[in-house]
C-alpha atoms as a PDB file:
ATOM      1  CA  MET A   1     -49.639 157.787-102.415  1.00  0.00           C
ATOM      2  CA  THR A   2     -49.791 155.547 -99.340  1.00  0.00           C
ATOM      3  CA  ASN A   3     -48.917 152.489-101.409  1.00  0.00           C
ATOM      4  CA  ARG A   4     -46.006 154.354-102.948  1.00  0.00           C
ATOM      5  CA  ARG A   5     -44.669 155.282 -99.487  1.00  0.00           C
ATOM      6  CA  ASN A   6     -44.977 151.707 -98.300  1.00  0.00           C
ATOM      7  CA  PHE A   7     -43.171 150.528-101.420  1.00  0.00           C
ATOM      8  CA  ILE A   8     -40.252 152.938-100.752  1.00  0.00           C
ATOM      9  CA  LYS A   9     -40.006 151.796 -97.120  1.00  0.00           C
ATOM     10  CA  SER A  10     -40.028 148.138 -98.161  1.00  0.00           C
ATOM     11  CA  ALA A  11     -37.448 148.748-100.873  1.00  0.00           C
ATOM     12  CA  SER A  12     -35.164 150.592 -98.446  1.00  0.00           C
ATOM     13  CA  ALA A  13     -35.406 147.796 -95.888  1.00  0.00           C
ATOM     14  CA  LEU A  14     -34.669 145.220 -98.583  1.00  0.00           C
ATOM     15  CA  ALA A  15     -31.628 147.189 -99.752  1.00  0.00           C
ATOM     16  CA  LEU A  16     -30.214 147.326 -96.228  1.00  0.00           C
ATOM     17  CA  GLY A  17     -30.858 143.640 -95.809  1.00  0.00           C
ATOM     18  CA  THR A  18     -29.180 142.890 -99.130  1.00  0.00           C
ATOM     19  CA  PHE A  19     -26.075 145.007 -98.590  1.00  0.00           C
ATOM     20  CA  GLY A  20     -25.753 144.376 -94.860  1.00  0.00           C
ATOM     21  CA  LEU A  21     -24.852 146.695 -92.002  1.00  0.00           C
ATOM     22  CA  SER A  22     -22.037 148.239 -94.015  1.00  0.00           C
ATOM     23  CA  ALA A  23     -24.698 150.272 -95.776  1.00  0.00           C
ATOM     24  CA  ILE A  24     -25.284 152.155 -92.494  1.00  0.00           C
ATOM     25  CA  PRO A  25     -22.706 154.843 -91.648  1.00  0.00           C
ATOM     26  CA  SER A  26     -20.709 153.846 -88.553  1.00  0.00           C
ATOM     27  CA  PHE A  27     -20.605 157.186 -86.764  1.00  0.00           C
ATOM     28  CA  GLY A  28     -19.507 155.645 -83.466  1.00  0.00           C
ATOM     29  CA  ALA A  29     -16.668 153.473 -84.796  1.00  0.00           C
ATOM     30  CA  PRO A  30     -13.446 153.957 -82.820  1.00  0.00           C
ATOM     31  CA  LYS A  31     -10.627 155.722 -84.619  1.00  0.00           C
ATOM     32  CA  ARG A  32      -7.028 154.943 -83.744  1.00  0.00           C
ATOM     33  CA  THR A  33      -4.554 157.693 -82.938  1.00  0.00           C
ATOM     34  CA  PRO A  34      -1.651 158.243 -85.372  1.00  0.00           C
ATOM     35  CA  TYR A  35       1.471 156.123 -84.921  1.00  0.00           C
ATOM     36  CA  GLY A  36       3.879 158.379 -83.032  1.00  0.00           C
ATOM     37  CA  LEU A  37       7.563 158.421 -82.114  1.00  0.00           C
ATOM     38  CA  ILE A  38       9.573 160.761 -79.918  1.00  0.00           C
ATOM     39  CA  LEU A  39      12.847 161.358 -81.736  1.00  0.00           C
ATOM     40  CA  TYR A  40      14.849 161.064 -78.504  1.00  0.00           C
ATOM     41  CA  THR A  41      14.936 157.338 -79.213  1.00  0.00           C
ATOM     42  CA  VAL A  42      16.975 157.973 -82.379  1.00  0.00           C
ATOM     43  CA  ARG A  43      18.866 160.961 -80.970  1.00  0.00           C
ATOM     44  CA  ASP A  44      22.292 159.794 -82.162  1.00  0.00           C
ATOM     45  CA  GLU A  45      20.957 159.153 -85.653  1.00  0.00           C
ATOM     46  CA  MET A  46      19.275 162.577 -85.669  1.00  0.00           C
ATOM     47  CA  LYS A  47      22.549 164.178 -84.631  1.00  0.00           C
ATOM     48  CA  ASN A  48      24.490 162.485 -87.428  1.00  0.00           C
ATOM     49  CA  ASP A  49      21.965 162.810 -90.274  1.00  0.00           C
ATOM     50  CA  PRO A  50      18.553 164.205 -89.306  1.00  0.00           C
ATOM     51  CA  VAL A  51      17.060 164.174 -92.811  1.00  0.00           C
ATOM     52  CA  LYS A  52      18.004 160.560 -93.515  1.00  0.00           C
ATOM     53  CA  THR A  53      16.762 159.526 -90.070  1.00  0.00           C
ATOM     54  CA  LEU A  54      13.382 161.197 -90.608  1.00  0.00           C
ATOM     55  CA  GLU A  55      13.082 159.323 -93.890  1.00  0.00           C
ATOM     56  CA  GLN A  56      13.839 156.028 -92.129  1.00  0.00           C
ATOM     57  CA  VAL A  57      11.335 156.762 -89.356  1.00  0.00           C
ATOM     58  CA  ALA A  58       8.648 157.436 -91.966  1.00  0.00           C
ATOM     59  CA  SER A  59       9.499 154.299 -93.923  1.00  0.00           C
ATOM     60  CA  ILE A  60       9.015 152.200 -90.776  1.00  0.00           C
ATOM     61  CA  GLY A  61       5.457 153.512 -90.603  1.00  0.00           C
ATOM     62  CA  TYR A  62       5.409 156.362 -88.115  1.00  0.00           C
ATOM     63  CA  GLU A  63       2.959 159.154 -88.878  1.00  0.00           C
ATOM     64  CA  VAL A  64       3.625 161.797 -86.232  1.00  0.00           C
ATOM     65  CA  VAL A  65       6.745 162.755 -84.290  1.00  0.00           C
ATOM     66  CA  GLU A  66       7.711 164.547 -81.125  1.00  0.00           C
ATOM     67  CA  ALA A  67      11.001 166.443 -81.217  1.00  0.00           C
ATOM     68  CA  ALA A  68      13.625 166.345 -78.479  1.00  0.00           C
ATOM     69  CA  GLY A  69      16.354 168.475 -79.984  1.00  0.00           C
ATOM     70  CA  TYR A  70      15.437 172.135 -79.511  1.00  0.00           C
ATOM     71  CA  SER A  71      18.371 174.428 -78.754  1.00  0.00           C
ATOM     72  CA  ASP A  72      19.285 178.044 -79.480  1.00  0.00           C
ATOM     73  CA  GLY A  73      16.142 178.640 -81.498  1.00  0.00           C
ATOM     74  CA  LYS A  74      16.661 175.624 -83.739  1.00  0.00           C
ATOM     75  CA  ILE A  75      15.305 172.077 -83.867  1.00  0.00           C
ATOM     76  CA  TYR A  76      18.032 169.555 -84.668  1.00  0.00           C
ATOM     77  CA  GLY A  77      20.094 172.390 -86.087  1.00  0.00           C
ATOM     78  CA  MET A  78      17.343 173.611 -88.416  1.00  0.00           C
ATOM     79  CA  ALA A  79      15.121 176.657 -88.265  1.00  0.00           C
ATOM     80  CA  PRO A  80      11.725 175.587 -86.835  1.00  0.00           C
ATOM     81  CA  ALA A  81       9.847 176.150 -90.112  1.00  0.00           C
ATOM     82  CA  GLU A  82      12.514 174.224 -92.053  1.00  0.00           C
ATOM     83  CA  PHE A  83      12.348 171.284 -89.650  1.00  0.00           C
ATOM     84  CA  LYS A  84       8.563 171.218 -89.981  1.00  0.00           C
ATOM     85  CA  ARG A  85       8.943 171.178 -93.764  1.00  0.00           C
ATOM     86  CA  ARG A  86      11.428 168.299 -93.602  1.00  0.00           C
ATOM     87  CA  VAL A  87       9.126 166.229 -91.402  1.00  0.00           C
ATOM     88  CA  GLU A  88       6.162 166.857 -93.691  1.00  0.00           C
ATOM     89  CA  SER A  89       8.190 166.052 -96.814  1.00  0.00           C
ATOM     90  CA  PHE A  90       8.205 162.429 -95.637  1.00  0.00           C
ATOM     91  CA  GLY A  91       4.450 162.362 -95.027  1.00  0.00           C
ATOM     92  CA  MET A  92       4.641 162.835 -91.260  1.00  0.00           C
ATOM     93  CA  LYS A  93       3.472 165.625 -88.943  1.00  0.00           C
ATOM     94  CA  LEU A  94       5.361 167.384 -86.165  1.00  0.00           C
ATOM     95  CA  ILE A  95       3.046 167.423 -83.154  1.00  0.00           C
ATOM     96  CA  SER A  96       5.081 168.164 -80.073  1.00  0.00           C
ATOM     97  CA  SER A  97       8.508 169.055 -78.718  1.00  0.00           C
ATOM     98  CA  HIS A  98      10.317 168.392 -75.459  1.00  0.00           C
ATOM     99  CA  THR A  99      11.705 171.783 -74.514  1.00  0.00           C
ATOM    100  CA  GLY A 100      13.451 173.169 -71.444  1.00  0.00           C
ATOM    101  CA  VAL A 101      11.074 176.092 -71.174  1.00  0.00           C
ATOM    102  CA  THR A 102      11.651 178.758 -68.514  1.00  0.00           C
ATOM    103  CA  MET A 103      10.153 182.167 -67.800  1.00  0.00           C
ATOM    104  CA  GLU A 104      13.323 183.636 -69.297  1.00  0.00           C
ATOM    105  CA  ASN A 105      13.058 181.912 -72.696  1.00  0.00           C
ATOM    106  CA  ILE A 106       9.317 181.352 -73.004  1.00  0.00           C
ATOM    107  CA  ASN A 107       8.645 184.105 -75.531  1.00  0.00           C
ATOM    108  CA  GLN A 108      11.309 182.717 -77.873  1.00  0.00           C
ATOM    109  CA  VAL A 109      10.026 179.162 -77.343  1.00  0.00           C
ATOM    110  CA  ILE A 110       6.452 180.196 -78.180  1.00  0.00           C
ATOM    111  CA  GLU A 111       7.580 182.039 -81.315  1.00  0.00           C
ATOM    112  CA  ASP A 112       9.599 179.044 -82.508  1.00  0.00           C
ATOM    113  CA  ALA A 113       6.814 176.601 -81.596  1.00  0.00           C
ATOM    114  CA  GLN A 114       4.393 178.579 -83.744  1.00  0.00           C
ATOM    115  CA  LYS A 115       6.825 178.544 -86.673  1.00  0.00           C
ATOM    116  CA  ALA A 116       7.169 174.771 -86.277  1.00  0.00           C
ATOM    117  CA  GLY A 117       3.383 174.348 -86.181  1.00  0.00           C
ATOM    118  CA  LEU A 118       3.464 172.572 -82.814  1.00  0.00           C
ATOM    119  CA  LYS A 119       0.301 171.546 -81.018  1.00  0.00           C
ATOM    120  CA  TYR A 120       2.174 170.854 -77.767  1.00  0.00           C
ATOM    121  CA  VAL A 121       5.310 171.958 -75.948  1.00  0.00           C
ATOM    122  CA  VAL A 122       6.311 169.588 -73.154  1.00  0.00           C
ATOM    123  CA  LYS A 123       8.677 170.288 -70.273  1.00  0.00           C
ATOM    124  CA  PRO A 124      10.624 167.021 -69.914  1.00  0.00           C
ATOM    125  CA  SER A 125      11.449 167.249 -66.198  1.00  0.00           C
ATOM    126  CA  LEU A 126      11.313 169.443 -63.111  1.00  0.00           C
ATOM    127  CA  HIS A 127      14.200 169.815 -60.674  1.00  0.00           C
ATOM    128  CA  ALA A 128      12.250 169.779 -57.440  1.00  0.00           C
ATOM    129  CA  ARG A 129      12.576 167.814 -54.213  1.00  0.00           C
ATOM    130  CA  THR A 130      10.187 169.146 -51.589  1.00  0.00           C
ATOM    131  CA  ALA A 131       6.412 169.511 -51.664  1.00  0.00           C
ATOM    132  CA  ASP A 132       6.798 173.288 -51.617  1.00  0.00           C
ATOM    133  CA  GLU A 133       9.115 173.164 -54.614  1.00  0.00           C
ATOM    134  CA  TYR A 134       6.588 171.073 -56.537  1.00  0.00           C
ATOM    135  CA  LYS A 135       3.821 173.531 -55.631  1.00  0.00           C
ATOM    136  CA  LYS A 136       6.016 176.341 -56.891  1.00  0.00           C
ATOM    137  CA  GLY A 137       6.617 174.339 -60.056  1.00  0.00           C
ATOM    138  CA  ALA A 138       2.863 173.868 -60.533  1.00  0.00           C
ATOM    139  CA  GLU A 139       2.335 177.606 -60.128  1.00  0.00           C
ATOM    140  CA  GLU A 140       4.895 178.223 -62.851  1.00  0.00           C
ATOM    141  CA  PHE A 141       3.264 175.589 -65.069  1.00  0.00           C
ATOM    142  CA  ASN A 142      -0.010 177.515 -64.869  1.00  0.00           C
ATOM    143  CA  LYS A 143       1.792 180.649 -66.018  1.00  0.00           C
ATOM    144  CA  PHE A 144       3.427 178.730 -68.866  1.00  0.00           C
ATOM    145  CA  GLY A 145       0.070 177.244 -69.806  1.00  0.00           C
ATOM    146  CA  GLU A 146      -1.604 180.629 -69.896  1.00  0.00           C
ATOM    147  CA  LEU A 147       1.012 182.035 -72.265  1.00  0.00           C
ATOM    148  CA  PHE A 148       1.094 178.980 -74.512  1.00  0.00           C
ATOM    149  CA  ASN A 149      -2.686 178.772 -74.554  1.00  0.00           C
ATOM    150  CA  SER A 150      -2.955 182.356 -75.796  1.00  0.00           C
ATOM    151  CA  ALA A 151      -0.689 181.329 -78.683  1.00  0.00           C
ATOM    152  CA  GLY A 152      -2.835 178.306 -79.584  1.00  0.00           C
ATOM    153  CA  ILE A 153      -0.423 175.754 -78.119  1.00  0.00           C
ATOM    154  CA  LYS A 154      -0.924 173.315 -75.237  1.00  0.00           C
ATOM    155  CA  PHE A 155       1.692 173.124 -72.474  1.00  0.00           C
ATOM    156  CA  GLY A 156       2.456 169.759 -70.883  1.00  0.00           C
ATOM    157  CA  TYR A 157       4.717 168.007 -68.399  1.00  0.00           C
ATOM    158  CA  HIS A 158       6.437 164.623 -68.777  1.00  0.00           C
ATOM    159  CA  ASN A 159       6.953 162.408 -65.745  1.00  0.00           C
ATOM    160  CA  HIS A 160       9.736 160.105 -64.617  1.00  0.00           C
ATOM    161  CA  SER A 161       9.616 157.725 -61.654  1.00  0.00           C
ATOM    162  CA  PHE A 162      10.931 160.196 -59.067  1.00  0.00           C
ATOM    163  CA  GLU A 163       7.653 162.157 -59.061  1.00  0.00           C
ATOM    164  CA  PHE A 164       6.080 159.145 -57.316  1.00  0.00           C
ATOM    165  CA  LYS A 165       8.474 159.081 -54.366  1.00  0.00           C
ATOM    166  CA  LYS A 166       6.607 160.586 -51.422  1.00  0.00           C
ATOM    167  CA  THR A 167       7.786 163.783 -49.780  1.00  0.00           C
ATOM    168  CA  LYS A 168       6.218 164.553 -46.404  1.00  0.00           C
ATOM    169  CA  GLY A 169       3.485 162.023 -47.117  1.00  0.00           C
ATOM    170  CA  GLN A 170       2.596 163.535 -50.488  1.00  0.00           C
ATOM    171  CA  ILE A 171       3.172 162.175 -53.987  1.00  0.00           C
ATOM    172  CA  PRO A 172       4.773 164.970 -56.067  1.00  0.00           C
ATOM    173  CA  TYR A 173       2.914 163.915 -59.223  1.00  0.00           C
ATOM    174  CA  ASP A 174      -0.386 164.392 -57.382  1.00  0.00           C
ATOM    175  CA  ILE A 175       0.721 167.821 -56.249  1.00  0.00           C
ATOM    176  CA  LEU A 176       1.364 168.839 -59.851  1.00  0.00           C
ATOM    177  CA  LEU A 177      -2.003 167.475 -60.991  1.00  0.00           C
ATOM    178  CA  LYS A 178      -3.963 169.079 -58.157  1.00  0.00           C
ATOM    179  CA  GLU A 179      -2.238 172.448 -58.308  1.00  0.00           C
ATOM    180  CA  THR A 180      -2.418 172.957 -62.086  1.00  0.00           C
ATOM    181  CA  ASP A 181      -5.392 174.189 -64.084  1.00  0.00           C
ATOM    182  CA  PRO A 182      -6.686 171.414 -66.422  1.00  0.00           C
ATOM    183  CA  LYS A 183      -7.538 174.089 -68.988  1.00  0.00           C
ATOM    184  CA  LEU A 184      -3.920 175.247 -69.101  1.00  0.00           C
ATOM    185  CA  VAL A 185      -1.738 172.224 -68.334  1.00  0.00           C
ATOM    186  CA  THR A 186      -1.844 168.681 -69.662  1.00  0.00           C
ATOM    187  CA  PHE A 187       0.377 165.742 -68.769  1.00  0.00           C
ATOM    188  CA  GLU A 188       2.419 163.403 -70.927  1.00  0.00           C
ATOM    189  CA  MET A 189       2.251 160.120 -69.055  1.00  0.00           C
ATOM    190  CA  ASP A 190       5.304 157.909 -69.450  1.00  0.00           C
ATOM    191  CA  LEU A 191       3.837 154.447 -68.965  1.00  0.00           C
ATOM    192  CA  LEU A 192       7.113 152.820 -67.983  1.00  0.00           C
ATOM    193  CA  TRP A 193       8.174 155.415 -65.437  1.00  0.00           C
ATOM    194  CA  ILE A 194       4.824 155.491 -63.653  1.00  0.00           C
ATOM    195  CA  THR A 195       4.838 151.677 -63.510  1.00  0.00           C
ATOM    196  CA  LYS A 196       8.428 151.614 -62.276  1.00  0.00           C
ATOM    197  CA  GLY A 197       7.429 154.218 -59.705  1.00  0.00           C
ATOM    198  CA  GLY A 198       4.984 151.696 -58.240  1.00  0.00           C
ATOM    199  CA  HIS A 199       1.713 153.085 -59.582  1.00  0.00           C
ATOM    200  CA  ASP A 200      -0.964 151.988 -62.017  1.00  0.00           C
ATOM    201  CA  PRO A 201      -1.863 154.309 -64.936  1.00  0.00           C
ATOM    202  CA  TRP A 202      -5.493 153.252 -64.464  1.00  0.00           C
ATOM    203  CA  GLU A 203      -5.419 154.730 -60.972  1.00  0.00           C
ATOM    204  CA  TYR A 204      -4.559 158.121 -62.412  1.00  0.00           C
ATOM    205  CA  PHE A 205      -6.953 157.929 -65.351  1.00  0.00           C
ATOM    206  CA  ALA A 206      -9.794 157.390 -62.869  1.00  0.00           C
ATOM    207  CA  LYS A 207      -8.601 160.008 -60.390  1.00  0.00           C
ATOM    208  CA  TYR A 208      -7.734 162.690 -62.947  1.00  0.00           C
ATOM    209  CA  PRO A 209      -9.816 161.978 -66.061  1.00  0.00           C
ATOM    210  CA  GLY A 210      -8.910 163.844 -69.216  1.00  0.00           C
ATOM    211  CA  ARG A 211      -5.557 165.120 -67.905  1.00  0.00           C
ATOM    212  CA  PHE A 212      -3.262 162.904 -69.981  1.00  0.00           C
ATOM    213  CA  GLN A 213      -3.470 163.996 -73.604  1.00  0.00           C
ATOM    214  CA  LEU A 214      -0.029 162.593 -74.460  1.00  0.00           C
ATOM    215  CA  TRP A 215       1.525 159.201 -73.671  1.00  0.00           C
ATOM    216  CA  HIS A 216       4.976 157.691 -73.986  1.00  0.00           C
ATOM    217  CA  LEU A 217       4.887 154.013 -74.885  1.00  0.00           C
ATOM    218  CA  LYS A 218       7.780 151.955 -73.615  1.00  0.00           C
ATOM    219  CA  ASP A 219       7.841 148.503 -72.071  1.00  0.00           C
ATOM    220  CA  MET A 220       9.608 147.092 -69.027  1.00  0.00           C
ATOM    221  CA  GLU A 221      11.400 143.798 -68.512  1.00  0.00           C
ATOM    222  CA  GLY A 222       9.923 141.678 -65.739  1.00  0.00           C
ATOM    223  CA  THR A 223      13.194 140.539 -64.214  1.00  0.00           C
ATOM    224  CA  GLY A 224      16.473 141.978 -63.015  1.00  0.00           C
ATOM    225  CA  LYS A 225      16.702 145.752 -63.134  1.00  0.00           C
ATOM    226  CA  LYS A 226      13.392 145.996 -64.998  1.00  0.00           C
ATOM    227  CA  GLU A 227      15.107 147.708 -67.881  1.00  0.00           C
ATOM    228  CA  MET A 228      13.385 149.199 -70.921  1.00  0.00           C
ATOM    229  CA  THR A 229      12.445 146.998 -73.822  1.00  0.00           C
ATOM    230  CA  GLU A 230      10.370 147.176 -76.981  1.00  0.00           C
ATOM    231  CA  VAL A 231       6.596 147.570 -76.698  1.00  0.00           C
ATOM    232  CA  GLY A 232       5.154 144.070 -76.430  1.00  0.00           C
ATOM    233  CA  ASN A 233       8.372 142.458 -75.184  1.00  0.00           C
ATOM    234  CA  GLY A 234       7.838 143.299 -71.523  1.00  0.00           C
ATOM    235  CA  VAL A 235       5.285 143.085 -68.734  1.00  0.00           C
ATOM    236  CA  ILE A 236       3.269 146.301 -69.106  1.00  0.00           C
ATOM    237  CA  ASP A 237      -0.365 145.523 -69.900  1.00  0.00           C
ATOM    238  CA  PHE A 238      -0.977 147.841 -72.852  1.00  0.00           C
ATOM    239  CA  ASP A 239      -4.329 146.186 -73.656  1.00  0.00           C
ATOM    240  CA  ARG A 240      -5.653 147.213 -70.257  1.00  0.00           C
ATOM    241  CA  ILE A 241      -4.139 150.695 -70.450  1.00  0.00           C
ATOM    242  CA  PHE A 242      -5.441 151.436 -73.944  1.00  0.00           C
ATOM    243  CA  SER A 243      -8.916 150.305 -72.915  1.00  0.00           C
ATOM    244  CA  GLU A 244      -9.067 153.476 -70.802  1.00  0.00           C
ATOM    245  CA  SER A 245      -7.450 155.855 -73.296  1.00  0.00           C
ATOM    246  CA  LYS A 246     -10.695 157.799 -73.698  1.00  0.00           C
ATOM    247  CA  GLN A 247     -11.026 158.374 -69.956  1.00  0.00           C
ATOM    248  CA  ALA A 248      -7.389 159.453 -69.837  1.00  0.00           C
ATOM    249  CA  GLY A 249      -8.046 162.005 -72.563  1.00  0.00           C
ATOM    250  CA  MET A 250      -5.254 160.636 -74.759  1.00  0.00           C
ATOM    251  CA  LYS A 251      -4.839 162.391 -78.122  1.00  0.00           C
ATOM    252  CA  TYR A 252      -1.369 161.200 -79.182  1.00  0.00           C
ATOM    253  CA  SER A 253       0.984 158.454 -78.083  1.00  0.00           C
ATOM    254  CA  PHE A 254       4.684 158.268 -78.887  1.00  0.00           C
ATOM    255  CA  VAL A 255       6.933 155.222 -78.786  1.00  0.00           C
ATOM    256  CA  GLU A 256      10.046 155.878 -76.744  1.00  0.00           C
ATOM    257  CA  GLN A 257      12.977 153.725 -75.728  1.00  0.00           C
ATOM    258  CA  ASP A 258      15.726 155.646 -73.975  1.00  0.00           C
ATOM    259  CA  THR A 259      18.173 152.751 -74.249  1.00  0.00           C
ATOM    260  CA  CYS A 260      18.117 149.888 -76.750  1.00  0.00           C
ATOM    261  CA  LYS A 261      19.932 146.879 -75.387  1.00  0.00           C
ATOM    262  CA  ASN A 262      19.480 144.100 -77.940  1.00  0.00           C
ATOM    263  CA  HIS A 263      18.749 146.066 -81.120  1.00  0.00           C
ATOM    264  CA  THR A 264      19.656 149.309 -82.820  1.00  0.00           C
ATOM    265  CA  PRO A 265      17.244 152.183 -82.118  1.00  0.00           C
ATOM    266  CA  LEU A 266      15.770 151.904 -85.622  1.00  0.00           C
ATOM    267  CA  GLU A 267      15.254 148.170 -85.187  1.00  0.00           C
ATOM    268  CA  SER A 268      13.676 148.729 -81.773  1.00  0.00           C
ATOM    269  CA  ILE A 269      11.170 151.317 -82.949  1.00  0.00           C
ATOM    270  CA  LYS A 270      10.107 148.955 -85.753  1.00  0.00           C
ATOM    271  CA  ILE A 271       9.557 146.091 -83.304  1.00  0.00           C
ATOM    272  CA  SER A 272       7.440 148.365 -81.104  1.00  0.00           C
ATOM    273  CA  LEU A 273       5.372 149.684 -83.994  1.00  0.00           C
ATOM    274  CA  ASP A 274       4.805 146.191 -85.418  1.00  0.00           C
ATOM    275  CA  HIS A 275       3.335 145.156 -82.050  1.00  0.00           C
ATOM    276  CA  ILE A 276       1.173 148.277 -81.849  1.00  0.00           C
ATOM    277  CA  LYS A 277      -0.211 147.620 -85.329  1.00  0.00           C
ATOM    278  CA  LYS A 278      -0.841 143.954 -84.522  1.00  0.00           C
ATOM    279  CA  LYS A 279      -2.780 144.858 -81.386  1.00  0.00           C
ATOM    280  CA  GLY A 280      -4.711 147.631 -83.111  1.00  0.00           C
ATOM    281  CA  PHE A 281      -3.768 150.362 -80.630  1.00  0.00           C
END
């Protein structure tokens, strides 16, 4: 029996040596996040022909999308469940939506978000100026988060550059992060706007780990007005940023380009995705 056991051990070792390390399951291998796009980038195309545009977005290689066209209970003019079906008919998934949620419309928003199968609802901006107004906004975010959370949806907030302009010695973005409950509120970090606001994403990943489940990927020109450009065509160090995606808590990232100067929006989102694929993000 002992000889038989030794024989099995030797045979197993030989098999691993023969077939190499690929014979061992790679449980710790990193897995990329799906290629994502916020549809705000192709907003004019979505307005003119949403179905054709979704087909084009899918053909470029995007796998998940974030909506930015919710109004009067519809997403790009379609009932939430119908829009979800359209997205999925092209092999993509609808993950998130930018929505002007308020305490007055939140019940309707939650109902529609559930019908659309959303994982996230993101408030795209907050009209606040003073520290007290941002604290009030954070208090409201916690209430939103509680209601969304009970419906199985995560509530988030998307930054611009103005949240990094100090008010009475305080950075508004920090107020929002400190005053919101991490269990109820996540943040969609726009990598261009935080950079343009004079701050390093790394700084926030280290200071507030796990708070940034969503990202917007857009690049910034290094000269002139530092305008938006395709991912990979500017000065933002995406290699460095993505190296800390785990600490940030990132689950999904979406390409966004508010304005496309040298290409059509569809051309621009292809250039960005080609770079992302090349870099292995």
